[in-house]
């Protein structure tokens, strides 16, 4: 029997340089996605409207040429340290 991991690997290839396309706020939202936080929780933590969080997530998915929020979360998880370093450098 074939497992899901064998048929669809969960490694979403995005170069660290591609993350530079994101604004500082988008990188911040992406870091929170790595933790699996919902839009509502994210909005509360960042002090912005839930609708604004959705707009940031949509922009992140588009800029990184991903298929979903889930893939964005995977990218964030795999590049968490690079995202934090970029935030410090900005």
C-alpha atoms as a PDB file:
ATOM      1  CA  UNK A   1       0.000   0.000   0.000  1.00  0.00           C
ATOM      2  CA  UNK A   2       1.240   3.492  -0.874  1.00  0.00           C
ATOM      3  CA  UNK A   3       1.200   6.234   1.725  1.00  0.00           C
ATOM      4  CA  UNK A   4       0.323   9.877   1.124  1.00  0.00           C
ATOM      5  CA  UNK A   5       3.917  10.907   1.813  1.00  0.00           C
ATOM      6  CA  UNK A   6       5.112   8.644  -0.987  1.00  0.00           C
ATOM      7  CA  UNK A   7       2.599   9.911  -3.529  1.00  0.00           C
ATOM      8  CA  UNK A   8       2.804  13.602  -2.647  1.00  0.00           C
ATOM      9  CA  UNK A   9       5.857  14.785  -0.773  1.00  0.00           C
ATOM     10  CA  UNK A  10       5.255  17.700   1.564  1.00  0.00           C
ATOM     11  CA  UNK A  11       8.404  19.552   0.575  1.00  0.00           C
ATOM     12  CA  UNK A  12       7.366  22.679  -1.342  1.00  0.00           C
ATOM     13  CA  UNK A  13      10.399  24.008  -3.202  1.00  0.00           C
ATOM     14  CA  UNK A  14      10.775  27.758  -2.727  1.00  0.00           C
ATOM     15  CA  UNK A  15      14.195  29.394  -2.836  1.00  0.00           C
ATOM     16  CA  UNK A  16      15.113  31.609   0.090  1.00  0.00           C
ATOM     17  CA  UNK A  17      15.741  34.425  -2.412  1.00  0.00           C
ATOM     18  CA  UNK A  18      12.085  34.198  -3.453  1.00  0.00           C
ATOM     19  CA  UNK A  19      11.055  35.148   0.068  1.00  0.00           C
ATOM     20  CA  UNK A  20      12.533  38.589  -0.618  1.00  0.00           C
ATOM     21  CA  UNK A  21       9.428  39.305  -2.740  1.00  0.00           C
ATOM     22  CA  UNK A  22       7.396  39.500   0.454  1.00  0.00           C
ATOM     23  CA  UNK A  23       6.861  42.628   2.498  1.00  0.00           C
ATOM     24  CA  UNK A  24       7.904  42.676   6.138  1.00  0.00           C
ATOM     25  CA  UNK A  25       4.309  42.182   7.284  1.00  0.00           C
ATOM     26  CA  UNK A  26       3.825  39.272   4.857  1.00  0.00           C
ATOM     27  CA  UNK A  27       6.966  37.606   6.243  1.00  0.00           C
ATOM     28  CA  UNK A  28       5.588  38.110   9.749  1.00  0.00           C
ATOM     29  CA  UNK A  29       2.263  36.516   8.761  1.00  0.00           C
ATOM     30  CA  UNK A  30       4.131  33.663   7.065  1.00  0.00           C
ATOM     31  CA  UNK A  31       6.130  32.961  10.242  1.00  0.00           C
ATOM     32  CA  UNK A  32       2.866  32.662  12.168  1.00  0.00           C
ATOM     33  CA  UNK A  33       1.501  30.285   9.525  1.00  0.00           C
ATOM     34  CA  UNK A  34       4.398  27.962  10.338  1.00  0.00           C
ATOM     35  CA  UNK A  35       2.883  27.614  13.813  1.00  0.00           C
ATOM     36  CA  UNK A  36      -0.472  26.606  12.342  1.00  0.00           C
ATOM     37  CA  UNK A  37      -2.320  29.607  13.713  1.00  0.00           C
ATOM     38  CA  UNK A  38      -5.763  30.417  12.368  1.00  0.00           C
ATOM     39  CA  UNK A  39      -6.564  33.745  10.720  1.00  0.00           C
ATOM     40  CA  UNK A  40      -8.494  34.796  13.814  1.00  0.00           C
ATOM     41  CA  UNK A  41      -5.573  34.084  16.159  1.00  0.00           C
ATOM     42  CA  UNK A  42      -3.138  35.705  13.749  1.00  0.00           C
ATOM     43  CA  UNK A  43      -5.280  38.841  13.559  1.00  0.00           C
ATOM     44  CA  UNK A  44      -5.414  39.123  17.344  1.00  0.00           C
ATOM     45  CA  UNK A  45      -1.666  38.629  17.735  1.00  0.00           C
ATOM     46  CA  UNK A  46      -0.825  41.206  15.064  1.00  0.00           C
ATOM     47  CA  UNK A  47      -3.532  43.672  16.020  1.00  0.00           C
ATOM     48  CA  UNK A  48      -5.099  43.701  12.549  1.00  0.00           C
ATOM     49  CA  UNK A  49      -8.430  42.647  11.086  1.00  0.00           C
ATOM     50  CA  UNK A  50      -9.014  39.019  10.129  1.00  0.00           C
ATOM     51  CA  UNK A  51      -9.846  40.267   6.642  1.00  0.00           C
ATOM     52  CA  UNK A  52      -6.373  41.845   6.428  1.00  0.00           C
ATOM     53  CA  UNK A  53      -4.773  38.547   7.430  1.00  0.00           C
ATOM     54  CA  UNK A  54      -6.672  36.824   4.606  1.00  0.00           C
ATOM     55  CA  UNK A  55      -5.399  39.475   2.185  1.00  0.00           C
ATOM     56  CA  UNK A  56      -1.803  38.912   3.345  1.00  0.00           C
ATOM     57  CA  UNK A  57      -2.133  35.127   3.016  1.00  0.00           C
ATOM     58  CA  UNK A  58      -3.577  35.496  -0.487  1.00  0.00           C
ATOM     59  CA  UNK A  59      -0.713  37.783  -1.442  1.00  0.00           C
ATOM     60  CA  UNK A  60       1.873  35.370  -0.002  1.00  0.00           C
ATOM     61  CA  UNK A  61       0.407  32.419  -1.917  1.00  0.00           C
ATOM     62  CA  UNK A  62       0.377  34.457  -5.137  1.00  0.00           C
ATOM     63  CA  UNK A  63       3.902  35.909  -4.772  1.00  0.00           C
ATOM     64  CA  UNK A  64       5.458  32.547  -3.905  1.00  0.00           C
ATOM     65  CA  UNK A  65       3.446  30.823  -6.662  1.00  0.00           C
ATOM     66  CA  UNK A  66       1.946  28.300  -4.259  1.00  0.00           C
ATOM     67  CA  UNK A  67      -1.311  26.418  -4.480  1.00  0.00           C
ATOM     68  CA  UNK A  68      -2.708  26.956  -0.995  1.00  0.00           C
ATOM     69  CA  UNK A  69      -2.354  28.313   2.525  1.00  0.00           C
ATOM     70  CA  UNK A  70      -1.226  24.827   3.558  1.00  0.00           C
ATOM     71  CA  UNK A  71       1.726  25.004   1.158  1.00  0.00           C
ATOM     72  CA  UNK A  72       2.549  28.476   2.474  1.00  0.00           C
ATOM     73  CA  UNK A  73       2.634  27.003   5.980  1.00  0.00           C
ATOM     74  CA  UNK A  74       5.041  24.313   4.811  1.00  0.00           C
ATOM     75  CA  UNK A  75       7.306  26.899   3.208  1.00  0.00           C
ATOM     76  CA  UNK A  76       7.216  28.915   6.421  1.00  0.00           C
ATOM     77  CA  UNK A  77       8.043  25.842   8.485  1.00  0.00           C
ATOM     78  CA  UNK A  78      11.017  24.928   6.266  1.00  0.00           C
ATOM     79  CA  UNK A  79      12.326  28.517   6.028  1.00  0.00           C
ATOM     80  CA  UNK A  80      11.397  29.739   9.511  1.00  0.00           C
ATOM     81  CA  UNK A  81      14.923  30.800  10.465  1.00  0.00           C
ATOM     82  CA  UNK A  82      15.513  32.572   7.148  1.00  0.00           C
ATOM     83  CA  UNK A  83      12.240  34.472   7.606  1.00  0.00           C
ATOM     84  CA  UNK A  84      13.313  35.572  11.083  1.00  0.00           C
ATOM     85  CA  UNK A  85      16.755  36.630   9.833  1.00  0.00           C
ATOM     86  CA  UNK A  86      15.211  38.715   7.063  1.00  0.00           C
ATOM     87  CA  UNK A  87      12.926  40.423   9.580  1.00  0.00           C
ATOM     88  CA  UNK A  88      15.935  41.376  11.693  1.00  0.00           C
ATOM     89  CA  UNK A  89      17.875  42.616   8.650  1.00  0.00           C
ATOM     90  CA  UNK A  90      14.955  44.796   7.455  1.00  0.00           C
END
